[in-house]
Amino acid sequence: MDGALLMSAPHRFVPDLPEPAAPARTRATWTSHVFNTGFAFRRIHDLVRWLPLPFARGLSHVGTGVAHRLMSGTTGALAHNFRGAFPELDDAAIDALTLRTYRSYADDVAAFFRAVPLTPAESYALFDDVEANGRVFLDVLAGGKGVLLVTGHFGNWEIGGALMRALGLPMTIVAMREASEQINDLRVECRQRFGADTIEVRQSMDTALQIRRRLADNRVVAMLMDRHVDRDRVAVTFFGRRAYFLRTPPLLAYMTGAPLLPCSVVRLPSGRFRVRPGTPIVVSRDLDRETAVRQAAQCFADQLEALIRETPHAWYQFYPYWASQDAVDEA
């Protein structure tokens, strides 16, 4: 779920979308390995759903240990990312953190798959402090302009759909199409089971209008914001370094008046999830557009950085994140 490429005029949305990419094309940020194939993803889904939980966890523990050692490219990318964010950590600490990240991600994927067939009442039981968090979402939606729920590749963002189902809140997910058709179909199917619809960017020239209509209907529109897509980018300072986040969410907030609501979902040792809505970001119309967009993006980057510092093993960037940022500066 990476984002859209949108440009706008002062009083209307003017999409500036390239032709849809070939579905089989692998993006530069995609880490290619056996687990990113449709066959493997579907088999993992089936195993997680049907194996007894203790057995599935034991298998996952062994499998992630093997992956940590054998998938040297992915492990190296994780280590490089953590060194850039936490230069004070030594090699042993970095290695331990990469292994913990593999295992955390596997646990989150398993929890997501197991949550899909649950009833709303069963979904409710997955989360801590549901009533308090529900009030936050309702308070933001009370403005009647919808809300842009923004997050990063951090924690179990997909299982947030189970919370929206439990709260009875309509949600739309804006997502890049997956490189694998099978993985893409499975993700869309899971979101539909949660009651969420999907807008696939670059599949239609009216993407911006679709998002605008969802906001006008006072829906929750969820987007990942911590990766840019081509020219759809805004510079921020992230862990003391230049990085590029997606420009579309704060631009949409500026154009529509819908607030940005940072949010994270992190698994607790108990196996339940803590949903933490951040500080809502209202993009000022008193500033010129580009300044307002940059300030809003930086506010989100600051909140995301604080979350990663608190729970670094839930930061799921399995490709050389900093190198991709440097490549933009060098282009």
C-alpha atoms as a PDB file:
ATOM      1  CA  MET A   1       0.000   0.000   0.000  1.00  0.00           C
ATOM      2  CA  ASP A   2       2.361   2.633  -1.256  1.00  0.00           C
ATOM      3  CA  GLY A   3       0.331   5.583  -2.531  1.00  0.00           C
ATOM      4  CA  ALA A   4      -0.720   7.677  -5.493  1.00  0.00           C
ATOM      5  CA  LEU A   5       0.795  10.256  -7.824  1.00  0.00           C
ATOM      6  CA  LEU A   6      -1.460  13.296  -7.809  1.00  0.00           C
ATOM      7  CA  MET A   7      -1.131  16.961  -8.654  1.00  0.00           C
ATOM      8  CA  SER A   8      -3.772  19.589  -8.074  1.00  0.00           C
ATOM      9  CA  ALA A   9      -4.978  23.028  -9.063  1.00  0.00           C
ATOM     10  CA  PRO A  10      -6.187  25.478  -6.415  1.00  0.00           C
ATOM     11  CA  HIS A  11      -9.883  24.538  -6.653  1.00  0.00           C
ATOM     12  CA  ARG A  12     -10.048  21.085  -8.209  1.00  0.00           C
ATOM     13  CA  PHE A  13      -8.188  17.811  -8.429  1.00  0.00           C
ATOM     14  CA  VAL A  14      -6.219  17.292 -11.600  1.00  0.00           C
ATOM     15  CA  PRO A  15      -4.787  13.761 -11.725  1.00  0.00           C
ATOM     16  CA  ASP A  16      -1.356  13.467 -13.292  1.00  0.00           C
ATOM     17  CA  LEU A  17      -1.142   9.691 -13.344  1.00  0.00           C
ATOM     18  CA  PRO A  18       1.171   7.718 -15.622  1.00  0.00           C
ATOM     19  CA  GLU A  19      -0.102   4.800 -17.614  1.00  0.00           C
ATOM     20  CA  PRO A  20      -0.809   1.741 -15.423  1.00  0.00           C
ATOM     21  CA  ALA A  21       2.333  -0.302 -14.906  1.00  0.00           C
ATOM     22  CA  ALA A  22       2.381  -3.888 -16.099  1.00  0.00           C
ATOM     23  CA  PRO A  23       1.076  -6.004 -13.199  1.00  0.00           C
ATOM     24  CA  ALA A  24       4.031  -8.377 -13.291  1.00  0.00           C
ATOM     25  CA  ARG A  25       6.578  -5.594 -13.115  1.00  0.00           C
ATOM     26  CA  THR A  26       8.657  -5.656  -9.940  1.00  0.00           C
ATOM     27  CA  ARG A  27       9.074  -2.296  -8.215  1.00  0.00           C
ATOM     28  CA  ALA A  28      12.456  -1.057  -7.066  1.00  0.00           C
ATOM     29  CA  THR A  29      11.355  -1.239  -3.439  1.00  0.00           C
ATOM     30  CA  TRP A  30      10.226  -4.851  -3.727  1.00  0.00           C
ATOM     31  CA  THR A  31      12.550  -7.402  -2.150  1.00  0.00           C
ATOM     32  CA  SER A  32      12.371 -10.443  -4.410  1.00  0.00           C
ATOM     33  CA  HIS A  33      12.606 -13.855  -2.770  1.00  0.00           C
ATOM     34  CA  VAL A  34      10.617 -17.077  -2.524  1.00  0.00           C
ATOM     35  CA  PHE A  35       8.207 -15.743   0.127  1.00  0.00           C
ATOM     36  CA  ASN A  36       7.077 -12.952  -2.214  1.00  0.00           C
ATOM     37  CA  THR A  37       5.588 -15.377  -4.732  1.00  0.00           C
ATOM     38  CA  GLY A  38       1.864 -15.894  -4.933  1.00  0.00           C
ATOM     39  CA  PHE A  39       2.206 -19.638  -4.377  1.00  0.00           C
ATOM     40  CA  ALA A  40       4.219 -19.216  -1.160  1.00  0.00           C
ATOM     41  CA  PHE A  41       1.965 -16.435   0.156  1.00  0.00           C
ATOM     42  CA  ARG A  42      -1.174 -18.508  -0.369  1.00  0.00           C
ATOM     43  CA  ARG A  43       0.399 -21.604   1.252  1.00  0.00           C
ATOM     44  CA  ILE A  44       1.461 -19.534   4.285  1.00  0.00           C
ATOM     45  CA  HIS A  45      -2.086 -18.183   4.495  1.00  0.00           C
ATOM     46  CA  ASP A  46      -3.540 -21.704   4.465  1.00  0.00           C
ATOM     47  CA  LEU A  47      -1.066 -23.083   7.006  1.00  0.00           C
ATOM     48  CA  VAL A  48      -1.604 -20.215   9.431  1.00  0.00           C
ATOM     49  CA  ARG A  49      -5.382 -20.527   9.179  1.00  0.00           C
ATOM     50  CA  TRP A  50      -5.603 -24.276   9.720  1.00  0.00           C
ATOM     51  CA  LEU A  51      -2.645 -25.375  11.827  1.00  0.00           C
ATOM     52  CA  PRO A  52      -3.074 -25.376  15.634  1.00  0.00           C
ATOM     53  CA  LEU A  53      -1.675 -22.115  16.971  1.00  0.00           C
ATOM     54  CA  PRO A  54       1.204 -23.612  19.060  1.00  0.00           C
ATOM     55  CA  PHE A  55       2.374 -25.679  16.088  1.00  0.00           C
ATOM     56  CA  ALA A  56       2.141 -22.713  13.719  1.00  0.00           C
ATOM     57  CA  ARG A  57       4.170 -20.562  16.115  1.00  0.00           C
ATOM     58  CA  GLY A  58       6.852 -23.219  16.465  1.00  0.00           C
ATOM     59  CA  LEU A  59       7.096 -23.620  12.700  1.00  0.00           C
ATOM     60  CA  SER A  60       7.297 -19.845  12.290  1.00  0.00           C
ATOM     61  CA  HIS A  61      10.050 -19.593  14.901  1.00  0.00           C
ATOM     62  CA  VAL A  62      12.183 -22.151  13.083  1.00  0.00           C
ATOM     63  CA  GLY A  63      11.407 -20.731   9.637  1.00  0.00           C
ATOM     64  CA  THR A  64      12.283 -17.154  10.525  1.00  0.00           C
ATOM     65  CA  GLY A  65      15.564 -18.298  12.065  1.00  0.00           C
ATOM     66  CA  VAL A  66      16.461 -20.052   8.824  1.00  0.00           C
ATOM     67  CA  ALA A  67      15.367 -17.058   6.739  1.00  0.00           C
ATOM     68  CA  HIS A  68      17.457 -14.717   8.879  1.00  0.00           C
ATOM     69  CA  ARG A  69      20.569 -16.732   8.033  1.00  0.00           C
ATOM     70  CA  LEU A  70      19.906 -17.725   4.433  1.00  0.00           C
ATOM     71  CA  MET A  71      18.206 -14.601   3.024  1.00  0.00           C
ATOM     72  CA  SER A  72      21.384 -12.562   3.185  1.00  0.00           C
ATOM     73  CA  GLY A  73      20.150  -9.754   0.943  1.00  0.00           C
ATOM     74  CA  THR A  74      17.048  -9.084   3.007  1.00  0.00           C
ATOM     75  CA  THR A  75      18.889  -9.463   6.319  1.00  0.00           C
ATOM     76  CA  GLY A  76      21.591  -7.107   5.070  1.00  0.00           C
ATOM     77  CA  ALA A  77      18.980  -4.546   4.053  1.00  0.00           C
ATOM     78  CA  LEU A  78      17.369  -4.692   7.496  1.00  0.00           C
ATOM     79  CA  ALA A  79      20.755  -4.304   9.180  1.00  0.00           C
ATOM     80  CA  HIS A  80      21.641  -1.334   6.953  1.00  0.00           C
ATOM     81  CA  ASN A  81      18.339   0.362   7.750  1.00  0.00           C
ATOM     82  CA  PHE A  82      18.747  -0.114  11.499  1.00  0.00           C
ATOM     83  CA  ARG A  83      22.344   1.163  11.442  1.00  0.00           C
ATOM     84  CA  GLY A  84      21.132   4.327   9.742  1.00  0.00           C
ATOM     85  CA  ALA A  85      18.426   4.836  12.352  1.00  0.00           C
ATOM     86  CA  PHE A  86      20.332   3.612  15.428  1.00  0.00           C
ATOM     87  CA  PRO A  87      24.060   4.258  14.890  1.00  0.00           C
ATOM     88  CA  GLU A  88      24.732   3.669  18.580  1.00  0.00           C
ATOM     89  CA  LEU A  89      23.964  -0.075  18.275  1.00  0.00           C
ATOM     90  CA  ASP A  90      26.836  -2.527  17.792  1.00  0.00           C
ATOM     91  CA  ASP A  91      26.836  -5.392  15.276  1.00  0.00           C
ATOM     92  CA  ALA A  92      25.540  -7.972  17.765  1.00  0.00           C
ATOM     93  CA  ALA A  93      22.613  -5.758  18.733  1.00  0.00           C
ATOM     94  CA  ILE A  94      21.812  -5.057  15.085  1.00  0.00           C
ATOM     95  CA  ASP A  95      21.866  -8.776  14.257  1.00  0.00           C
ATOM     96  CA  ALA A  96      19.557  -9.563  17.179  1.00  0.00           C
ATOM     97  CA  LEU A  97      17.215  -6.783  16.083  1.00  0.00           C
ATOM     98  CA  THR A  98      17.015  -8.097  12.509  1.00  0.00           C
ATOM     99  CA  LEU A  99      16.095 -11.573  13.758  1.00  0.00           C
ATOM    100  CA  ARG A 100      13.475 -10.144  16.099  1.00  0.00           C
ATOM    101  CA  THR A 101      12.051  -8.165  13.163  1.00  0.00           C
ATOM    102  CA  TYR A 102      11.673 -11.300  11.037  1.00  0.00           C
ATOM    103  CA  ARG A 103       9.825 -13.005  13.874  1.00  0.00           C
ATOM    104  CA  SER A 104       7.672  -9.989  14.668  1.00  0.00           C
ATOM    105  CA  TYR A 105       6.635  -9.660  11.034  1.00  0.00           C
ATOM    106  CA  ALA A 106       5.806 -13.371  10.778  1.00  0.00           C
ATOM    107  CA  ASP A 107       3.672 -13.133  13.920  1.00  0.00           C
ATOM    108  CA  ASP A 108       1.870 -10.083  12.529  1.00  0.00           C
ATOM    109  CA  VAL A 109       1.141 -11.774   9.198  1.00  0.00           C
ATOM    110  CA  ALA A 110      -0.202 -14.837  11.027  1.00  0.00           C
ATOM    111  CA  ALA A 111      -2.397 -12.678  13.268  1.00  0.00           C
ATOM    112  CA  PHE A 112      -3.779 -10.836  10.244  1.00  0.00           C
ATOM    113  CA  PHE A 113      -4.711 -14.048   8.424  1.00  0.00           C
ATOM    114  CA  ARG A 114      -6.333 -15.472  11.551  1.00  0.00           C
ATOM    115  CA  ALA A 115      -8.335 -12.266  12.082  1.00  0.00           C
ATOM    116  CA  VAL A 116      -9.970 -12.258   8.650  1.00  0.00           C
ATOM    117  CA  PRO A 117     -12.807 -14.760   9.353  1.00  0.00           C
ATOM    118  CA  LEU A 118     -13.622 -13.405  12.830  1.00  0.00           C
ATOM    119  CA  THR A 119     -16.947 -11.832  13.686  1.00  0.00           C
ATOM    120  CA  PRO A 120     -17.052  -8.143  14.713  1.00  0.00           C
ATOM    121  CA  ALA A 121     -17.360  -9.200  18.368  1.00  0.00           C
ATOM    122  CA  GLU A 122     -14.359 -11.533  18.039  1.00  0.00           C
ATOM    123  CA  SER A 123     -12.417  -8.768  16.284  1.00  0.00           C
ATOM    124  CA  TYR A 124     -13.228  -6.411  19.144  1.00  0.00           C
ATOM    125  CA  ALA A 125     -11.498  -8.788  21.557  1.00  0.00           C
ATOM    126  CA  LEU A 126      -8.222  -8.572  19.627  1.00  0.00           C
ATOM    127  CA  PHE A 127      -7.549  -5.007  20.735  1.00  0.00           C
ATOM    128  CA  ASP A 128      -6.865  -3.127  23.952  1.00  0.00           C
ATOM    129  CA  ASP A 129      -8.738   0.084  24.800  1.00  0.00           C
ATOM    130  CA  VAL A 130     -11.184  -0.227  21.909  1.00  0.00           C
ATOM    131  CA  GLU A 131     -13.708   2.208  23.366  1.00  0.00           C
ATOM    132  CA  ALA A 132     -11.125   4.936  23.958  1.00  0.00           C
ATOM    133  CA  ASN A 133      -9.664   4.523  20.480  1.00  0.00           C
ATOM    134  CA  GLY A 134     -13.114   4.426  18.954  1.00  0.00           C
ATOM    135  CA  ARG A 135     -13.896   7.803  20.489  1.00  0.00           C
ATOM    136  CA  VAL A 136     -10.791   9.265  18.844  1.00  0.00           C
ATOM    137  CA  PHE A 137     -11.934   8.134  15.398  1.00  0.00           C
ATOM    138  CA  LEU A 138     -15.486   9.329  16.004  1.00  0.00           C
ATOM    139  CA  ASP A 139     -14.265  12.718  17.233  1.00  0.00           C
ATOM    140  CA  VAL A 140     -12.198  13.215  14.092  1.00  0.00           C
ATOM    141  CA  LEU A 141     -15.036  12.073  11.833  1.00  0.00           C
ATOM    142  CA  ALA A 142     -17.408  14.475  13.586  1.00  0.00           C
ATOM    143  CA  GLY A 143     -16.004  17.218  11.367  1.00  0.00           C
ATOM    144  CA  GLY A 144     -17.849  15.626   8.455  1.00  0.00           C
ATOM    145  CA  LYS A 145     -14.902  15.789   6.054  1.00  0.00           C
ATOM    146  CA  GLY A 146     -13.690  12.234   6.423  1.00  0.00           C
ATOM    147  CA  VAL A 147     -10.266  11.373   7.737  1.00  0.00           C
ATOM    148  CA  LEU A 148      -7.001  10.369   6.072  1.00  0.00           C
ATOM    149  CA  LEU A 149      -5.625   7.618   8.294  1.00  0.00           C
ATOM    150  CA  VAL A 150      -1.870   7.642   7.658  1.00  0.00           C
ATOM    151  CA  THR A 151       0.699   5.154   8.815  1.00  0.00           C
ATOM    152  CA  GLY A 152       4.020   3.691   7.758  1.00  0.00           C
ATOM    153  CA  HIS A 153       5.469   0.242   7.256  1.00  0.00           C
ATOM    154  CA  PHE A 154       5.328  -0.191  10.988  1.00  0.00           C
ATOM    155  CA  GLY A 155       3.340  -2.635  13.080  1.00  0.00           C
ATOM    156  CA  ASN A 156       0.338  -4.574  11.833  1.00  0.00           C
ATOM    157  CA  TRP A 157      -1.315  -1.925   9.692  1.00  0.00           C
ATOM    158  CA  GLU A 158      -3.459  -4.440   7.780  1.00  0.00           C
ATOM    159  CA  ILE A 159      -5.146  -5.829  10.924  1.00  0.00           C
ATOM    160  CA  GLY A 160      -6.461  -2.334  11.565  1.00  0.00           C
ATOM    161  CA  GLY A 161      -9.275  -3.351   9.220  1.00  0.00           C
ATOM    162  CA  ALA A 162     -10.505  -5.733  11.936  1.00  0.00           C
ATOM    163  CA  LEU A 163     -10.739  -2.808  14.348  1.00  0.00           C
ATOM    164  CA  MET A 164     -12.708  -0.717  11.851  1.00  0.00           C
ATOM    165  CA  ARG A 165     -15.055  -3.686  11.383  1.00  0.00           C
ATOM    166  CA  ALA A 166     -15.492  -3.986  15.160  1.00  0.00           C
ATOM    167  CA  LEU A 167     -16.251  -0.255  15.431  1.00  0.00           C
ATOM    168  CA  GLY A 168     -18.587  -0.297  12.437  1.00  0.00           C
ATOM    169  CA  LEU A 169     -16.624   2.434  10.662  1.00  0.00           C
ATOM    170  CA  PRO A 170     -16.468   2.435   6.835  1.00  0.00           C
ATOM    171  CA  MET A 171     -12.901   2.331   5.534  1.00  0.00           C
ATOM    172  CA  THR A 172     -11.221   2.618   2.162  1.00  0.00           C
ATOM    173  CA  ILE A 173      -7.625   1.494   1.603  1.00  0.00           C
ATOM    174  CA  VAL A 174      -5.550   3.232  -1.055  1.00  0.00           C
ATOM    175  CA  ALA A 175      -2.922   0.792  -2.297  1.00  0.00           C
ATOM    176  CA  MET A 176      -0.376   0.144  -4.973  1.00  0.00           C
ATOM    177  CA  ARG A 177      -1.082  -3.066  -6.849  1.00  0.00           C
ATOM    178  CA  GLU A 178       1.155  -5.925  -5.695  1.00  0.00           C
ATOM    179  CA  ALA A 179       3.753  -7.288  -8.104  1.00  0.00           C
ATOM    180  CA  SER A 180       2.182 -10.741  -7.717  1.00  0.00           C
ATOM    181  CA  GLU A 181      -1.400 -11.066  -8.946  1.00  0.00           C
ATOM    182  CA  GLN A 182      -2.092 -13.858  -6.439  1.00  0.00           C
ATOM    183  CA  ILE A 183      -0.836 -11.788  -3.510  1.00  0.00           C
ATOM    184  CA  ASN A 184      -2.806  -8.785  -4.732  1.00  0.00           C
ATOM    185  CA  ASP A 185      -6.025 -10.810  -5.037  1.00  0.00           C
ATOM    186  CA  LEU A 186      -5.568 -12.300  -1.561  1.00  0.00           C
ATOM    187  CA  ARG A 187      -4.990  -8.901   0.037  1.00  0.00           C
ATOM    188  CA  VAL A 188      -8.076  -7.422  -1.643  1.00  0.00           C
ATOM    189  CA  GLU A 189     -10.119 -10.466  -0.581  1.00  0.00           C
ATOM    190  CA  CYS A 190      -9.020 -10.061   3.041  1.00  0.00           C
ATOM    191  CA  ARG A 191      -9.851  -6.361   3.046  1.00  0.00           C
ATOM    192  CA  GLN A 192     -13.297  -7.093   1.646  1.00  0.00           C
ATOM    193  CA  ARG A 193     -13.884  -9.561   4.481  1.00  0.00           C
ATOM    194  CA  PHE A 194     -13.135  -6.689   6.870  1.00  0.00           C
ATOM    195  CA  GLY A 195     -15.700  -4.554   5.044  1.00  0.00           C
ATOM    196  CA  ALA A 196     -13.058  -2.268   3.492  1.00  0.00           C
ATOM    197  CA  ASP A 197     -12.909  -1.364  -0.174  1.00  0.00           C
ATOM    198  CA  THR A 198      -9.650  -0.831  -2.069  1.00  0.00           C
ATOM    199  CA  ILE A 199      -8.627   1.929  -4.460  1.00  0.00           C
ATOM    200  CA  GLU A 200      -5.725   0.672  -6.557  1.00  0.00           C
ATOM    201  CA  VAL A 201      -3.699   3.648  -7.699  1.00  0.00           C
ATOM    202  CA  ARG A 202      -2.463   3.860 -11.270  1.00  0.00           C
ATOM    203  CA  GLN A 203      -5.283   1.622 -12.444  1.00  0.00           C
ATOM    204  CA  SER A 204      -7.587   4.530 -13.262  1.00  0.00           C
ATOM    205  CA  MET A 205      -7.201   8.165 -14.249  1.00  0.00           C
ATOM    206  CA  ASP A 206      -9.846   9.213 -11.725  1.00  0.00           C
ATOM    207  CA  THR A 207      -7.996   7.940  -8.632  1.00  0.00           C
ATOM    208  CA  ALA A 208      -7.992  11.392  -7.055  1.00  0.00           C
ATOM    209  CA  LEU A 209     -11.713  11.801  -7.609  1.00  0.00           C
ATOM    210  CA  GLN A 210     -12.395   8.388  -6.077  1.00  0.00           C
ATOM    211  CA  ILE A 211     -10.498   9.374  -2.931  1.00  0.00           C
ATOM    212  CA  ARG A 212     -12.279  12.716  -2.809  1.00  0.00           C
ATOM    213  CA  ARG A 213     -15.679  10.992  -3.041  1.00  0.00           C
ATOM    214  CA  ARG A 214     -14.806   8.662  -0.150  1.00  0.00           C
ATOM    215  CA  LEU A 215     -13.813  11.629   2.014  1.00  0.00           C
ATOM    216  CA  ALA A 216     -16.997  13.481   1.046  1.00  0.00           C
ATOM    217  CA  ASP A 217     -18.911  10.424   2.301  1.00  0.00           C
ATOM    218  CA  ASN A 218     -17.116  10.901   5.656  1.00  0.00           C
ATOM    219  CA  ARG A 219     -15.181   7.647   5.370  1.00  0.00           C
ATOM    220  CA  VAL A 220     -11.853   6.643   6.832  1.00  0.00           C
ATOM    221  CA  VAL A 221      -9.330   6.556   3.966  1.00  0.00           C
ATOM    222  CA  ALA A 222      -6.125   4.728   4.884  1.00  0.00           C
ATOM    223  CA  MET A 223      -2.765   5.276   3.181  1.00  0.00           C
ATOM    224  CA  LEU A 224       0.840   4.335   3.839  1.00  0.00           C
ATOM    225  CA  MET A 225       2.947   7.475   3.730  1.00  0.00           C
ATOM    226  CA  ASP A 226       6.575   6.553   4.425  1.00  0.00           C
ATOM    227  CA  ARG A 227       7.556   5.600   0.866  1.00  0.00           C
ATOM    228  CA  HIS A 228       7.431   7.895  -2.120  1.00  0.00           C
ATOM    229  CA  VAL A 229       6.322   6.879  -5.607  1.00  0.00           C
ATOM    230  CA  ASP A 230       8.229   8.534  -8.451  1.00  0.00           C
ATOM    231  CA  ARG A 231       7.442  12.276  -8.407  1.00  0.00           C
ATOM    232  CA  ASP A 232       4.856  11.905  -5.659  1.00  0.00           C
ATOM    233  CA  ARG A 233       7.226  12.847  -2.862  1.00  0.00           C
ATOM    234  CA  VAL A 234       7.917  15.426  -0.205  1.00  0.00           C
ATOM    235  CA  ALA A 235      11.223  15.809   1.635  1.00  0.00           C
ATOM    236  CA  VAL A 236      11.304  15.294   5.407  1.00  0.00           C
ATOM    237  CA  THR A 237      13.941  14.816   8.084  1.00  0.00           C
ATOM    238  CA  PHE A 238      13.718  11.264   9.407  1.00  0.00           C
ATOM    239  CA  PHE A 239      16.165   9.943  12.017  1.00  0.00           C
ATOM    240  CA  GLY A 240      18.302  12.993  11.273  1.00  0.00           C
ATOM    241  CA  ARG A 241      18.530  12.152   7.555  1.00  0.00           C
ATOM    242  CA  ARG A 242      16.850  13.362   4.404  1.00  0.00           C
ATOM    243  CA  ALA A 243      14.035  11.063   3.337  1.00  0.00           C
ATOM    244  CA  TYR A 244      11.104  11.305   0.976  1.00  0.00           C
ATOM    245  CA  PHE A 245       7.548  10.525   2.040  1.00  0.00           C
ATOM    246  CA  LEU A 246       4.385  10.396  -0.014  1.00  0.00           C
ATOM    247  CA  ARG A 247       3.082  13.868  -0.865  1.00  0.00           C
ATOM    248  CA  THR A 248      -0.482  12.872  -1.753  1.00  0.00           C
ATOM    249  CA  PRO A 249      -1.946  12.484   1.789  1.00  0.00           C
ATOM    250  CA  PRO A 250      -1.052  15.980   3.053  1.00  0.00           C
ATOM    251  CA  LEU A 251      -1.961  17.438  -0.339  1.00  0.00           C
ATOM    252  CA  LEU A 252      -5.403  15.822  -0.159  1.00  0.00           C
ATOM    253  CA  ALA A 253      -5.758  17.104   3.399  1.00  0.00           C
ATOM    254  CA  TYR A 254      -4.924  20.620   2.211  1.00  0.00           C
ATOM    255  CA  MET A 255      -7.410  20.414  -0.656  1.00  0.00           C
ATOM    256  CA  THR A 256     -10.343  18.836   1.203  1.00  0.00           C
ATOM    257  CA  GLY A 257      -9.950  19.941   4.812  1.00  0.00           C
ATOM    258  CA  ALA A 258      -9.890  16.302   5.933  1.00  0.00           C
ATOM    259  CA  PRO A 259      -7.432  15.873   8.816  1.00  0.00           C
ATOM    260  CA  LEU A 260      -4.500  13.487   8.742  1.00  0.00           C
ATOM    261  CA  LEU A 261      -4.650  11.022  11.627  1.00  0.00           C
ATOM    262  CA  PRO A 262      -1.409   9.088  12.216  1.00  0.00           C
ATOM    263  CA  CYS A 263      -2.117   5.675  13.674  1.00  0.00           C
ATOM    264  CA  SER A 264      -0.185   2.547  14.638  1.00  0.00           C
ATOM    265  CA  VAL A 265      -1.161  -1.010  15.583  1.00  0.00           C
ATOM    266  CA  VAL A 266       1.451  -2.925  17.589  1.00  0.00           C
ATOM    267  CA  ARG A 267       1.214  -6.465  18.941  1.00  0.00           C
ATOM    268  CA  LEU A 268       1.605  -6.785  22.706  1.00  0.00           C
ATOM    269  CA  PRO A 269       3.298  -9.714  24.505  1.00  0.00           C
ATOM    270  CA  SER A 270      -0.186 -10.986  25.350  1.00  0.00           C
ATOM    271  CA  GLY A 271      -0.921 -11.416  21.634  1.00  0.00           C
ATOM    272  CA  ARG A 272      -3.506  -8.632  21.638  1.00  0.00           C
ATOM    273  CA  PHE A 273      -2.949  -5.354  19.800  1.00  0.00           C
ATOM    274  CA  ARG A 274      -2.478  -1.806  20.971  1.00  0.00           C
ATOM    275  CA  VAL A 275      -3.954   0.770  18.626  1.00  0.00           C
ATOM    276  CA  ARG A 276      -2.418   4.171  19.127  1.00  0.00           C
ATOM    277  CA  PRO A 277      -3.996   7.085  17.277  1.00  0.00           C
ATOM    278  CA  GLY A 278      -1.489   9.904  17.041  1.00  0.00           C
ATOM    279  CA  THR A 279      -1.977  13.645  17.144  1.00  0.00           C
ATOM    280  CA  PRO A 280      -4.327  14.717  14.325  1.00  0.00           C
ATOM    281  CA  ILE A 281      -2.680  16.938  11.732  1.00  0.00           C
ATOM    282  CA  VAL A 282      -4.798  19.716  10.268  1.00  0.00           C
ATOM    283  CA  VAL A 283      -3.054  21.055   7.170  1.00  0.00           C
ATOM    284  CA  SER A 284      -3.147  24.834   7.394  1.00  0.00           C
ATOM    285  CA  ARG A 285      -4.783  26.844   4.618  1.00  0.00           C
ATOM    286  CA  ASP A 286      -3.171  29.994   6.046  1.00  0.00           C
ATOM    287  CA  LEU A 287       0.156  28.979   4.488  1.00  0.00           C
ATOM    288  CA  ASP A 288       1.040  28.522   0.849  1.00  0.00           C
ATOM    289  CA  ARG A 289       0.323  25.001  -0.325  1.00  0.00           C
ATOM    290  CA  GLU A 290       3.857  23.649  -0.553  1.00  0.00           C
ATOM    291  CA  THR A 291       4.846  24.965   2.865  1.00  0.00           C
ATOM    292  CA  ALA A 292       1.699  23.529   4.439  1.00  0.00           C
ATOM    293  CA  VAL A 293       2.274  20.138   2.803  1.00  0.00           C
ATOM    294  CA  ARG A 294       5.918  20.019   3.948  1.00  0.00           C
ATOM    295  CA  GLN A 295       5.034  20.942   7.521  1.00  0.00           C
ATOM    296  CA  ALA A 296       2.293  18.300   7.692  1.00  0.00           C
ATOM    297  CA  ALA A 297       4.584  15.632   6.245  1.00  0.00           C
ATOM    298  CA  GLN A 298       7.292  16.513   8.774  1.00  0.00           C
ATOM    299  CA  CYS A 299       4.792  16.299  11.623  1.00  0.00           C
ATOM    300  CA  PHE A 300       3.869  12.783  10.503  1.00  0.00           C
ATOM    301  CA  ALA A 301       7.548  11.816  10.107  1.00  0.00           C
ATOM    302  CA  ASP A 302       8.256  12.970  13.665  1.00  0.00           C
ATOM    303  CA  GLN A 303       5.407  10.888  15.065  1.00  0.00           C
ATOM    304  CA  LEU A 304       6.444   7.807  13.076  1.00  0.00           C
ATOM    305  CA  GLU A 305      10.073   8.144  14.169  1.00  0.00           C
ATOM    306  CA  ALA A 306       9.001   8.256  17.821  1.00  0.00           C
ATOM    307  CA  LEU A 307       7.031   5.028  17.367  1.00  0.00           C
ATOM    308  CA  ILE A 308       9.957   3.256  15.690  1.00  0.00           C
ATOM    309  CA  ARG A 309      12.347   4.336  18.441  1.00  0.00           C
ATOM    310  CA  GLU A 310       9.951   2.825  20.972  1.00  0.00           C
ATOM    311  CA  THR A 311       9.387  -0.460  19.084  1.00  0.00           C
ATOM    312  CA  PRO A 312      12.132  -0.832  16.458  1.00  0.00           C
ATOM    313  CA  HIS A 313      11.427  -4.505  15.676  1.00  0.00           C
ATOM    314  CA  ALA A 314       8.025  -3.477  14.281  1.00  0.00           C
ATOM    315  CA  TRP A 315       9.640  -1.354  11.518  1.00  0.00           C
ATOM    316  CA  TYR A 316       9.163  -3.450   8.395  1.00  0.00           C
ATOM    317  CA  GLN A 317      11.373  -2.096   5.615  1.00  0.00           C
ATOM    318  CA  PHE A 318      12.826  -5.204   3.997  1.00  0.00           C
ATOM    319  CA  TYR A 319      14.831  -3.369   1.337  1.00  0.00           C
ATOM    320  CA  PRO A 320      17.666  -0.774   1.519  1.00  0.00           C
ATOM    321  CA  TYR A 321      15.521   2.140   2.663  1.00  0.00           C
ATOM    322  CA  TRP A 322      18.257   4.757   3.023  1.00  0.00           C
ATOM    323  CA  ALA A 323      19.845   3.847  -0.303  1.00  0.00           C
ATOM    324  CA  SER A 324      16.510   4.446  -2.019  1.00  0.00           C
ATOM    325  CA  GLN A 325      16.387   7.922  -0.455  1.00  0.00           C
ATOM    326  CA  ASP A 326      19.934   8.700  -1.564  1.00  0.00           C
ATOM    327  CA  ALA A 327      19.082   7.573  -5.099  1.00  0.00           C
ATOM    328  CA  VAL A 328      16.466  10.338  -5.350  1.00  0.00           C
ATOM    329  CA  ASP A 329      19.042  12.976  -4.413  1.00  0.00           C
ATOM    330  CA  GLU A 330      21.484  11.569  -6.980  1.00  0.00           C
ATOM    331  CA  ALA A 331      18.934  11.369  -9.816  1.00  0.00           C
END
